[in-house]
């Protein structure tokens, strides 16, 4: 097999794996009535505490108008609320409601269970090798500037910049 054939095979395998992961994740999320982008907002606020829209958009690598629509929908459903920032009365912060925190925990747990079950086809050593190879690939794709923030990596639990625009 030539190097170019091998690269094509690896590319196809990565793309197919991503598509399967995305499809299964979206199916899991739809059962809970939440989109991938909405889960990303909930996770971001759950991890970092109350945030201004700008903080959420920076974490998710999307523009503020995209976040506004997501927050509007989450607020209508009672998962987040807007409050005044105690340090700057002109600013609004987004915080999770108890229902939002509960949903985020429930869906994140189901996602982790799904991924852990899928990974059982690999040995622990193979999982470690895969992890190392994927991190190395991320470094190569980003010119060594791989972001280490969970919300900046592009796996379905955290969403991608393209999916976050929903």
C-alpha atoms as a PDB file:
ATOM      1  CA  UNK A   1       0.000   0.000   0.000  1.00  0.00           C
ATOM      2  CA  UNK A   2       1.374   3.398  -0.947  1.00  0.00           C
ATOM      3  CA  UNK A   3       1.613   6.281   1.476  1.00  0.00           C
ATOM      4  CA  UNK A   4      -1.152   8.118  -0.381  1.00  0.00           C
ATOM      5  CA  UNK A   5      -3.446   5.065  -0.251  1.00  0.00           C
ATOM      6  CA  UNK A   6      -2.739   4.705   3.461  1.00  0.00           C
ATOM      7  CA  UNK A   7      -3.484   8.406   4.062  1.00  0.00           C
ATOM      8  CA  UNK A   8      -6.748   8.096   2.149  1.00  0.00           C
ATOM      9  CA  UNK A   9      -7.716   5.059   4.226  1.00  0.00           C
ATOM     10  CA  UNK A  10      -6.932   6.859   7.481  1.00  0.00           C
ATOM     11  CA  UNK A  11      -8.853   9.928   6.319  1.00  0.00           C
ATOM     12  CA  UNK A  12     -11.861   7.799   5.395  1.00  0.00           C
ATOM     13  CA  UNK A  13     -11.730   5.987   8.746  1.00  0.00           C
ATOM     14  CA  UNK A  14     -11.565   9.244  10.707  1.00  0.00           C
ATOM     15  CA  UNK A  15     -14.398  10.776   8.688  1.00  0.00           C
ATOM     16  CA  UNK A  16     -16.590   7.689   9.016  1.00  0.00           C
ATOM     17  CA  UNK A  17     -15.931   7.445  12.747  1.00  0.00           C
ATOM     18  CA  UNK A  18     -16.800  11.114  13.215  1.00  0.00           C
ATOM     19  CA  UNK A  19     -20.034  10.718  11.233  1.00  0.00           C
ATOM     20  CA  UNK A  20     -21.109   7.689  13.254  1.00  0.00           C
ATOM     21  CA  UNK A  21     -20.257   9.430  16.516  1.00  0.00           C
ATOM     22  CA  UNK A  22     -22.132  12.549  15.446  1.00  0.00           C
ATOM     23  CA  UNK A  23     -25.197  10.602  14.260  1.00  0.00           C
ATOM     24  CA  UNK A  24     -25.393   8.537  17.455  1.00  0.00           C
ATOM     25  CA  UNK A  25     -24.836  11.602  19.630  1.00  0.00           C
ATOM     26  CA  UNK A  26     -27.533  13.590  17.857  1.00  0.00           C
ATOM     27  CA  UNK A  27     -29.928  10.663  18.255  1.00  0.00           C
ATOM     28  CA  UNK A  28     -29.158  10.455  21.973  1.00  0.00           C
ATOM     29  CA  UNK A  29     -29.644  14.222  22.342  1.00  0.00           C
ATOM     30  CA  UNK A  30     -32.872  14.291  20.355  1.00  0.00           C
ATOM     31  CA  UNK A  31     -34.358  11.780  22.802  1.00  0.00           C
ATOM     32  CA  UNK A  32     -33.638  14.352  25.523  1.00  0.00           C
ATOM     33  CA  UNK A  33     -35.000  17.229  23.419  1.00  0.00           C
ATOM     34  CA  UNK A  34     -31.731  19.135  23.181  1.00  0.00           C
ATOM     35  CA  UNK A  35     -29.369  19.920  20.301  1.00  0.00           C
ATOM     36  CA  UNK A  36     -25.626  19.496  20.302  1.00  0.00           C
ATOM     37  CA  UNK A  37     -25.117  23.257  20.357  1.00  0.00           C
ATOM     38  CA  UNK A  38     -27.553  23.672  23.257  1.00  0.00           C
ATOM     39  CA  UNK A  39     -25.726  20.987  25.226  1.00  0.00           C
ATOM     40  CA  UNK A  40     -22.462  22.783  24.538  1.00  0.00           C
ATOM     41  CA  UNK A  41     -23.886  26.000  26.041  1.00  0.00           C
ATOM     42  CA  UNK A  42     -25.164  24.122  29.090  1.00  0.00           C
ATOM     43  CA  UNK A  43     -21.820  22.368  29.561  1.00  0.00           C
ATOM     44  CA  UNK A  44     -19.861  25.603  29.157  1.00  0.00           C
ATOM     45  CA  UNK A  45     -21.922  27.416  31.795  1.00  0.00           C
ATOM     46  CA  UNK A  46     -21.916  24.364  34.093  1.00  0.00           C
ATOM     47  CA  UNK A  47     -18.114  24.170  34.005  1.00  0.00           C
ATOM     48  CA  UNK A  48     -17.258  27.865  34.147  1.00  0.00           C
ATOM     49  CA  UNK A  49     -20.138  29.246  36.183  1.00  0.00           C
ATOM     50  CA  UNK A  50     -22.320  32.184  35.189  1.00  0.00           C
ATOM     51  CA  UNK A  51     -20.916  33.768  32.020  1.00  0.00           C
ATOM     52  CA  UNK A  52     -21.617  36.709  29.811  1.00  0.00           C
ATOM     53  CA  UNK A  53     -22.603  35.891  26.232  1.00  0.00           C
ATOM     54  CA  UNK A  54     -19.117  36.915  25.096  1.00  0.00           C
ATOM     55  CA  UNK A  55     -17.535  34.337  27.395  1.00  0.00           C
ATOM     56  CA  UNK A  56     -19.781  31.596  26.050  1.00  0.00           C
ATOM     57  CA  UNK A  57     -19.144  32.563  22.425  1.00  0.00           C
ATOM     58  CA  UNK A  58     -15.363  32.635  22.997  1.00  0.00           C
ATOM     59  CA  UNK A  59     -15.443  29.213  24.643  1.00  0.00           C
ATOM     60  CA  UNK A  60     -17.542  27.753  21.842  1.00  0.00           C
ATOM     61  CA  UNK A  61     -15.576  29.551  19.098  1.00  0.00           C
ATOM     62  CA  UNK A  62     -18.687  31.099  17.532  1.00  0.00           C
ATOM     63  CA  UNK A  63     -20.067  34.623  17.267  1.00  0.00           C
ATOM     64  CA  UNK A  64     -22.273  36.209  19.923  1.00  0.00           C
ATOM     65  CA  UNK A  65     -25.390  36.290  17.688  1.00  0.00           C
ATOM     66  CA  UNK A  66     -25.212  32.488  17.459  1.00  0.00           C
ATOM     67  CA  UNK A  67     -25.127  32.264  21.250  1.00  0.00           C
ATOM     68  CA  UNK A  68     -28.021  34.692  21.652  1.00  0.00           C
ATOM     69  CA  UNK A  69     -30.366  32.403  19.721  1.00  0.00           C
ATOM     70  CA  UNK A  70     -29.228  29.335  21.635  1.00  0.00           C
ATOM     71  CA  UNK A  71     -29.635  31.086  24.984  1.00  0.00           C
ATOM     72  CA  UNK A  72     -33.070  32.407  23.965  1.00  0.00           C
ATOM     73  CA  UNK A  73     -34.262  28.855  23.246  1.00  0.00           C
ATOM     74  CA  UNK A  74     -32.716  27.453  26.428  1.00  0.00           C
ATOM     75  CA  UNK A  75     -34.238  30.272  28.482  1.00  0.00           C
ATOM     76  CA  UNK A  76     -37.720  29.657  27.028  1.00  0.00           C
ATOM     77  CA  UNK A  77     -37.410  26.022  28.086  1.00  0.00           C
ATOM     78  CA  UNK A  78     -36.313  26.983  31.602  1.00  0.00           C
ATOM     79  CA  UNK A  79     -32.747  25.651  31.410  1.00  0.00           C
ATOM     80  CA  UNK A  80     -30.898  28.982  31.781  1.00  0.00           C
ATOM     81  CA  UNK A  81     -31.693  32.439  33.074  1.00  0.00           C
ATOM     82  CA  UNK A  82     -30.273  35.866  32.431  1.00  0.00           C
ATOM     83  CA  UNK A  83     -29.231  37.895  35.448  1.00  0.00           C
ATOM     84  CA  UNK A  84     -27.380  41.137  36.031  1.00  0.00           C
ATOM     85  CA  UNK A  85     -23.645  40.833  36.546  1.00  0.00           C
ATOM     86  CA  UNK A  86     -22.821  41.862  40.116  1.00  0.00           C
ATOM     87  CA  UNK A  87     -19.583  43.513  38.974  1.00  0.00           C
ATOM     88  CA  UNK A  88     -21.098  45.423  36.054  1.00  0.00           C
ATOM     89  CA  UNK A  89     -24.813  46.228  36.223  1.00  0.00           C
ATOM     90  CA  UNK A  90     -24.867  46.897  32.463  1.00  0.00           C
ATOM     91  CA  UNK A  91     -23.813  43.332  31.694  1.00  0.00           C
ATOM     92  CA  UNK A  92     -26.007  40.259  31.642  1.00  0.00           C
ATOM     93  CA  UNK A  93     -24.765  36.859  32.686  1.00  0.00           C
ATOM     94  CA  UNK A  94     -26.184  33.473  31.804  1.00  0.00           C
ATOM     95  CA  UNK A  95     -26.567  30.898  34.542  1.00  0.00           C
ATOM     96  CA  UNK A  96     -28.036  27.428  34.698  1.00  0.00           C
ATOM     97  CA  UNK A  97     -31.329  26.787  36.405  1.00  0.00           C
ATOM     98  CA  UNK A  98     -31.674  23.600  38.448  1.00  0.00           C
ATOM     99  CA  UNK A  99     -33.489  22.047  35.452  1.00  0.00           C
ATOM    100  CA  UNK A 100     -30.622  23.054  33.156  1.00  0.00           C
ATOM    101  CA  UNK A 101     -27.997  21.632  35.497  1.00  0.00           C
ATOM    102  CA  UNK A 102     -29.973  18.403  35.789  1.00  0.00           C
ATOM    103  CA  UNK A 103     -30.343  18.090  31.997  1.00  0.00           C
ATOM    104  CA  UNK A 104     -26.666  18.806  31.398  1.00  0.00           C
ATOM    105  CA  UNK A 105     -25.581  16.171  33.923  1.00  0.00           C
ATOM    106  CA  UNK A 106     -28.058  13.588  32.621  1.00  0.00           C
ATOM    107  CA  UNK A 107     -27.134  14.016  28.956  1.00  0.00           C
ATOM    108  CA  UNK A 108     -23.387  14.222  29.619  1.00  0.00           C
ATOM    109  CA  UNK A 109     -23.601  11.023  31.654  1.00  0.00           C
ATOM    110  CA  UNK A 110     -25.501   9.216  28.884  1.00  0.00           C
ATOM    111  CA  UNK A 111     -22.944  10.429  26.356  1.00  0.00           C
ATOM    112  CA  UNK A 112     -20.021   9.210  28.484  1.00  0.00           C
ATOM    113  CA  UNK A 113     -21.729   5.822  28.877  1.00  0.00           C
ATOM    114  CA  UNK A 114     -22.217   5.596  25.099  1.00  0.00           C
ATOM    115  CA  UNK A 115     -18.564   6.420  24.371  1.00  0.00           C
ATOM    116  CA  UNK A 116     -17.266   4.100  27.101  1.00  0.00           C
ATOM    117  CA  UNK A 117     -19.375   1.259  25.707  1.00  0.00           C
ATOM    118  CA  UNK A 118     -18.125   1.939  22.176  1.00  0.00           C
ATOM    119  CA  UNK A 119     -14.506   1.950  23.373  1.00  0.00           C
ATOM    120  CA  UNK A 120     -14.871  -1.520  24.875  1.00  0.00           C
ATOM    121  CA  UNK A 121     -13.981  -2.989  21.465  1.00  0.00           C
ATOM    122  CA  UNK A 122     -10.438  -1.701  22.116  1.00  0.00           C
ATOM    123  CA  UNK A 123      -8.024  -2.912  24.769  1.00  0.00           C
ATOM    124  CA  UNK A 124      -6.775  -0.408  27.335  1.00  0.00           C
ATOM    125  CA  UNK A 125      -3.464  -0.259  25.449  1.00  0.00           C
ATOM    126  CA  UNK A 126      -5.273   0.375  22.154  1.00  0.00           C
ATOM    127  CA  UNK A 127      -7.329   3.136  23.785  1.00  0.00           C
ATOM    128  CA  UNK A 128      -4.125   4.774  25.048  1.00  0.00           C
ATOM    129  CA  UNK A 129      -2.530   4.458  21.593  1.00  0.00           C
ATOM    130  CA  UNK A 130      -5.621   5.944  19.951  1.00  0.00           C
ATOM    131  CA  UNK A 131      -5.676   8.817  22.434  1.00  0.00           C
ATOM    132  CA  UNK A 132      -2.002   9.567  21.822  1.00  0.00           C
ATOM    133  CA  UNK A 133      -2.419   9.331  18.026  1.00  0.00           C
ATOM    134  CA  UNK A 134      -5.461  11.641  18.025  1.00  0.00           C
ATOM    135  CA  UNK A 135      -3.677  14.258  20.141  1.00  0.00           C
ATOM    136  CA  UNK A 136      -0.690  14.071  17.810  1.00  0.00           C
ATOM    137  CA  UNK A 137      -3.008  14.456  14.807  1.00  0.00           C
ATOM    138  CA  UNK A 138      -4.695  17.483  16.413  1.00  0.00           C
ATOM    139  CA  UNK A 139      -1.275  19.064  16.956  1.00  0.00           C
ATOM    140  CA  UNK A 140      -0.329  18.407  13.348  1.00  0.00           C
ATOM    141  CA  UNK A 141      -3.594  19.786  11.999  1.00  0.00           C
ATOM    142  CA  UNK A 142      -3.332  22.955  14.069  1.00  0.00           C
ATOM    143  CA  UNK A 143       0.359  23.594  13.463  1.00  0.00           C
ATOM    144  CA  UNK A 144       1.175  22.706  17.079  1.00  0.00           C
ATOM    145  CA  UNK A 145      -1.361  25.195  18.414  1.00  0.00           C
ATOM    146  CA  UNK A 146      -3.828  22.561  19.628  1.00  0.00           C
ATOM    147  CA  UNK A 147      -6.197  24.080  22.118  1.00  0.00           C
ATOM    148  CA  UNK A 148      -6.402  22.243  25.411  1.00  0.00           C
ATOM    149  CA  UNK A 149      -9.765  23.621  26.500  1.00  0.00           C
ATOM    150  CA  UNK A 150     -12.495  20.959  26.474  1.00  0.00           C
ATOM    151  CA  UNK A 151     -14.840  23.339  24.728  1.00  0.00           C
ATOM    152  CA  UNK A 152     -12.316  24.003  21.997  1.00  0.00           C
ATOM    153  CA  UNK A 153     -11.743  20.374  21.074  1.00  0.00           C
ATOM    154  CA  UNK A 154     -14.082  19.028  18.458  1.00  0.00           C
ATOM    155  CA  UNK A 155     -15.743  15.972  19.868  1.00  0.00           C
ATOM    156  CA  UNK A 156     -19.507  15.627  20.017  1.00  0.00           C
ATOM    157  CA  UNK A 157     -19.948  16.128  23.738  1.00  0.00           C
ATOM    158  CA  UNK A 158     -18.511  19.588  23.334  1.00  0.00           C
ATOM    159  CA  UNK A 159     -19.621  20.273  19.805  1.00  0.00           C
ATOM    160  CA  UNK A 160     -17.809  21.910  16.964  1.00  0.00           C
ATOM    161  CA  UNK A 161     -17.822  25.446  15.748  1.00  0.00           C
ATOM    162  CA  UNK A 162     -19.892  24.455  12.720  1.00  0.00           C
ATOM    163  CA  UNK A 163     -22.478  22.547  14.741  1.00  0.00           C
ATOM    164  CA  UNK A 164     -22.627  25.281  17.386  1.00  0.00           C
ATOM    165  CA  UNK A 165     -24.155  27.630  14.853  1.00  0.00           C
ATOM    166  CA  UNK A 166     -27.511  25.810  14.973  1.00  0.00           C
END
